[in-house]
Amino acid sequence: MELFDFIDCLFSKEKYKAVPNSDKRKHCFMTLRFLSIKYPWEANMYNLIGTNEVSTMDVWHLIMTKTHTRKPQWLYTKSEKRAETSESPLKKVDKDTVSSWCRLRGVGPKDLEFACRVFPSQVASELKAYEKAVEA
C-alpha cells in the first residue's frame, strides 16, 4: 500500500480495518508529518516519546474519524515553487581566475556557489573586477 492510499484509509473506518500493521509501521513517520500541519504539538509528542507506530496510527485513526467525516482540505498543501535561477556568474569567468579568487578570499568553491545563488550580481561584479586586476 502506498502512502496516499494509507492516508485515504486513515479517514475511513471500513478501509482502515483492512490495513495491515506493516503498512501502519511503514507510513507512520510521513503520516505524522502530514498531521503536524494542523496538529503540530500532538504529532510531535509521538516522535518525542517514541511510541509504537501501530498504536500511534490507531489512535490517530480514532481521532480523525471522530473529528472528520472525510479527508480534510488542509492535508493538501502545496510547497512553494522555486524561483527561476539566473545563469551563474562563474560560467562567464575563467576557472583559474575563480580558483585564485577563492584562495585570495579564503573560501571554498561551495561557498562561492552559495554566494552566487544568494548575491549573483555582487559576485559577478567582484569577479569581473578581480579578473581585470589580474589581467593588468
C-alpha atoms as a PDB file:
ATOM      1  CA  MET A   1       0.000   0.000   0.000  1.00  0.00           C
ATOM      2  CA  GLU A   2       1.313   3.430  -0.945  1.00  0.00           C
ATOM      3  CA  LEU A   3       1.383   6.433   1.370  1.00  0.00           C
ATOM      4  CA  PHE A   4      -1.594   8.312  -0.083  1.00  0.00           C
ATOM      5  CA  ASP A   5      -3.675   5.146  -0.125  1.00  0.00           C
ATOM      6  CA  PHE A   6      -2.881   4.777   3.566  1.00  0.00           C
ATOM      7  CA  ILE A   7      -3.889   8.403   4.213  1.00  0.00           C
ATOM      8  CA  ASP A   8      -7.218   7.691   2.495  1.00  0.00           C
ATOM      9  CA  CYS A   9      -7.742   4.670   4.738  1.00  0.00           C
ATOM     10  CA  LEU A  10      -6.882   6.662   7.864  1.00  0.00           C
ATOM     11  CA  PHE A  11     -10.059   8.709   7.441  1.00  0.00           C
ATOM     12  CA  SER A  12     -12.317   5.735   6.648  1.00  0.00           C
ATOM     13  CA  LYS A  13     -13.496   3.280   9.310  1.00  0.00           C
ATOM     14  CA  GLU A  14     -14.201   0.467   6.853  1.00  0.00           C
ATOM     15  CA  LYS A  15     -10.982   0.719   4.837  1.00  0.00           C
ATOM     16  CA  TYR A  16      -8.776   1.055   7.933  1.00  0.00           C
ATOM     17  CA  LYS A  17      -9.834  -2.370   9.235  1.00  0.00           C
ATOM     18  CA  ALA A  18      -8.081  -3.995   6.270  1.00  0.00           C
ATOM     19  CA  VAL A  19      -4.772  -2.136   6.708  1.00  0.00           C
ATOM     20  CA  PRO A  20      -2.017  -4.484   7.909  1.00  0.00           C
ATOM     21  CA  ASN A  21       0.268  -3.485  10.774  1.00  0.00           C
ATOM     22  CA  SER A  22       3.279  -3.464   8.467  1.00  0.00           C
ATOM     23  CA  ASP A  23       1.747  -0.615   6.443  1.00  0.00           C
ATOM     24  CA  LYS A  24       0.899   1.286   9.614  1.00  0.00           C
ATOM     25  CA  ARG A  25       4.511   0.978  10.718  1.00  0.00           C
ATOM     26  CA  LYS A  26       5.819   1.878   7.280  1.00  0.00           C
ATOM     27  CA  HIS A  27       3.777   5.080   6.854  1.00  0.00           C
ATOM     28  CA  CYS A  28       3.753   6.335  10.444  1.00  0.00           C
ATOM     29  CA  PHE A  29       6.518   8.923  10.046  1.00  0.00           C
ATOM     30  CA  MET A  30       5.153  10.581   6.917  1.00  0.00           C
ATOM     31  CA  THR A  31       1.594  10.486   8.236  1.00  0.00           C
ATOM     32  CA  LEU A  32       2.741  12.310  11.357  1.00  0.00           C
ATOM     33  CA  ARG A  33       4.428  14.860   9.107  1.00  0.00           C
ATOM     34  CA  PHE A  34       1.140  15.467   7.302  1.00  0.00           C
ATOM     35  CA  LEU A  35      -0.835  15.628  10.524  1.00  0.00           C
ATOM     36  CA  SER A  36       1.616  18.103  12.019  1.00  0.00           C
ATOM     37  CA  ILE A  37       0.267  20.701   9.585  1.00  0.00           C
ATOM     38  CA  LYS A  38      -2.868  21.035  11.685  1.00  0.00           C
ATOM     39  CA  TYR A  39      -1.742  19.385  14.940  1.00  0.00           C
ATOM     40  CA  PRO A  40       1.958  20.241  15.402  1.00  0.00           C
ATOM     41  CA  TRP A  41       2.258  19.672  19.133  1.00  0.00           C
ATOM     42  CA  GLU A  42       0.268  16.448  19.189  1.00  0.00           C
ATOM     43  CA  ALA A  43       2.101  14.922  16.224  1.00  0.00           C
ATOM     44  CA  ASN A  44       5.487  15.848  17.675  1.00  0.00           C
ATOM     45  CA  MET A  45       4.684  14.236  21.017  1.00  0.00           C
ATOM     46  CA  TYR A  46       4.528  10.802  19.407  1.00  0.00           C
ATOM     47  CA  ASN A  47       8.006  11.341  17.994  1.00  0.00           C
ATOM     48  CA  LEU A  48       9.396  12.551  21.326  1.00  0.00           C
ATOM     49  CA  ILE A  49       8.104   9.725  23.483  1.00  0.00           C
ATOM     50  CA  GLY A  50       8.868   7.056  20.887  1.00  0.00           C
ATOM     51  CA  THR A  51       5.635   5.079  20.993  1.00  0.00           C
ATOM     52  CA  ASN A  52       4.710   2.057  18.949  1.00  0.00           C
ATOM     53  CA  GLU A  53       3.940   3.100  15.357  1.00  0.00           C
ATOM     54  CA  VAL A  54       0.953   0.767  15.025  1.00  0.00           C
ATOM     55  CA  SER A  55      -0.670   2.088  18.217  1.00  0.00           C
ATOM     56  CA  THR A  56       0.090   5.650  17.150  1.00  0.00           C
ATOM     57  CA  MET A  57      -1.682   5.194  13.839  1.00  0.00           C
ATOM     58  CA  ASP A  58      -4.634   3.501  15.583  1.00  0.00           C
ATOM     59  CA  VAL A  59      -5.015   6.481  17.929  1.00  0.00           C
ATOM     60  CA  TRP A  60      -4.800   8.968  15.066  1.00  0.00           C
ATOM     61  CA  HIS A  61      -7.378   6.937  13.155  1.00  0.00           C
ATOM     62  CA  LEU A  62      -9.772   7.160  16.096  1.00  0.00           C
ATOM     63  CA  ILE A  63      -9.222  10.904  16.433  1.00  0.00           C
ATOM     64  CA  MET A  64      -9.537  11.614  12.714  1.00  0.00           C
ATOM     65  CA  THR A  65     -12.691   9.552  12.202  1.00  0.00           C
ATOM     66  CA  LYS A  66     -14.387  11.256  15.151  1.00  0.00           C
ATOM     67  CA  THR A  67     -13.472  14.789  14.077  1.00  0.00           C
ATOM     68  CA  HIS A  68     -13.630  14.486  10.261  1.00  0.00           C
ATOM     69  CA  THR A  69     -16.217  12.781   8.073  1.00  0.00           C
ATOM     70  CA  ARG A  70     -13.858  12.827   5.084  1.00  0.00           C
ATOM     71  CA  LYS A  71     -10.275  13.703   4.308  1.00  0.00           C
ATOM     72  CA  PRO A  72      -9.765  17.378   5.300  1.00  0.00           C
ATOM     73  CA  GLN A  73      -8.585  20.006   2.851  1.00  0.00           C
ATOM     74  CA  TRP A  74      -5.614  21.101   4.979  1.00  0.00           C
ATOM     75  CA  LEU A  75      -3.845  17.857   4.060  1.00  0.00           C
ATOM     76  CA  TYR A  76      -3.452  19.167   0.530  1.00  0.00           C
ATOM     77  CA  THR A  77      -0.833  21.834   0.972  1.00  0.00           C
ATOM     78  CA  LYS A  78       1.370  22.927  -1.866  1.00  0.00           C
ATOM     79  CA  SER A  79       5.007  23.686  -1.490  1.00  0.00           C
ATOM     80  CA  GLU A  80       6.386  26.893  -2.891  1.00  0.00           C
ATOM     81  CA  LYS A  81       7.874  26.745  -6.329  1.00  0.00           C
ATOM     82  CA  ARG A  82      11.464  27.788  -6.508  1.00  0.00           C
ATOM     83  CA  ALA A  83      12.222  30.961  -8.335  1.00  0.00           C
ATOM     84  CA  GLU A  84      13.979  30.635 -11.651  1.00  0.00           C
ATOM     85  CA  THR A  85      17.692  30.916 -11.139  1.00  0.00           C
ATOM     86  CA  SER A  86      19.681  33.089 -13.421  1.00  0.00           C
ATOM     87  CA  GLU A  87      22.843  31.872 -15.045  1.00  0.00           C
ATOM     88  CA  SER A  88      25.739  31.569 -12.651  1.00  0.00           C
ATOM     89  CA  PRO A  89      28.369  34.309 -12.939  1.00  0.00           C
ATOM     90  CA  LEU A  90      31.022  31.594 -12.527  1.00  0.00           C
ATOM     91  CA  LYS A  91      30.385  30.401 -16.093  1.00  0.00           C
ATOM     92  CA  LYS A  92      31.495  33.749 -17.502  1.00  0.00           C
ATOM     93  CA  VAL A  93      34.834  33.773 -15.660  1.00  0.00           C
ATOM     94  CA  ASP A  94      37.905  31.624 -16.280  1.00  0.00           C
ATOM     95  CA  LYS A  95      38.312  28.697 -13.859  1.00  0.00           C
ATOM     96  CA  ASP A  96      41.852  29.733 -12.935  1.00  0.00           C
ATOM     97  CA  THR A  97      40.615  33.190 -12.012  1.00  0.00           C
ATOM     98  CA  VAL A  98      37.872  31.698  -9.861  1.00  0.00           C
ATOM     99  CA  SER A  99      40.269  29.368  -8.038  1.00  0.00           C
ATOM    100  CA  SER A 100      42.799  32.178  -7.400  1.00  0.00           C
ATOM    101  CA  TRP A 101      39.964  34.437  -6.148  1.00  0.00           C
ATOM    102  CA  CYS A 102      38.867  31.643  -3.782  1.00  0.00           C
ATOM    103  CA  ARG A 103      42.419  31.272  -2.450  1.00  0.00           C
ATOM    104  CA  LEU A 104      42.731  35.045  -2.014  1.00  0.00           C
ATOM    105  CA  ARG A 105      39.429  35.306  -0.119  1.00  0.00           C
ATOM    106  CA  GLY A 106      39.909  32.050   1.812  1.00  0.00           C
ATOM    107  CA  VAL A 107      36.655  30.488   0.667  1.00  0.00           C
ATOM    108  CA  GLY A 108      35.869  27.151  -0.892  1.00  0.00           C
ATOM    109  CA  PRO A 109      34.102  26.518  -4.185  1.00  0.00           C
ATOM    110  CA  LYS A 110      30.858  25.546  -2.437  1.00  0.00           C
ATOM    111  CA  ASP A 111      30.852  28.820  -0.509  1.00  0.00           C
ATOM    112  CA  LEU A 112      31.320  30.702  -3.773  1.00  0.00           C
ATOM    113  CA  GLU A 113      28.455  28.786  -5.422  1.00  0.00           C
ATOM    114  CA  PHE A 114      26.217  29.640  -2.483  1.00  0.00           C
ATOM    115  CA  ALA A 115      27.188  33.305  -2.753  1.00  0.00           C
ATOM    116  CA  CYS A 116      26.347  33.165  -6.473  1.00  0.00           C
ATOM    117  CA  ARG A 117      22.850  31.915  -5.679  1.00  0.00           C
ATOM    118  CA  VAL A 118      22.232  34.499  -2.962  1.00  0.00           C
ATOM    119  CA  PHE A 119      24.058  37.544  -4.382  1.00  0.00           C
ATOM    120  CA  PRO A 120      24.570  36.868  -8.102  1.00  0.00           C
ATOM    121  CA  SER A 121      25.070  40.457  -9.240  1.00  0.00           C
ATOM    122  CA  GLN A 122      27.535  41.339  -6.457  1.00  0.00           C
ATOM    123  CA  VAL A 123      29.591  38.202  -7.044  1.00  0.00           C
ATOM    124  CA  ALA A 124      29.608  38.819 -10.796  1.00  0.00           C
ATOM    125  CA  SER A 125      30.837  42.396 -10.398  1.00  0.00           C
ATOM    126  CA  GLU A 126      33.518  41.387  -7.900  1.00  0.00           C
ATOM    127  CA  LEU A 127      34.772  38.548 -10.104  1.00  0.00           C
ATOM    128  CA  LYS A 128      34.897  40.860 -13.145  1.00  0.00           C
ATOM    129  CA  ALA A 129      36.826  43.479 -11.176  1.00  0.00           C
ATOM    130  CA  TYR A 130      39.233  40.804  -9.913  1.00  0.00           C
ATOM    131  CA  GLU A 131      39.678  39.437 -13.429  1.00  0.00           C
ATOM    132  CA  LYS A 132      40.544  42.913 -14.759  1.00  0.00           C
ATOM    133  CA  ALA A 133      43.016  43.460 -11.896  1.00  0.00           C
ATOM    134  CA  VAL A 134      44.723  40.128 -12.589  1.00  0.00           C
ATOM    135  CA  GLU A 135      44.993  40.857 -16.331  1.00  0.00           C
ATOM    136  CA  ALA A 136      46.517  44.296 -15.737  1.00  0.00           C
END
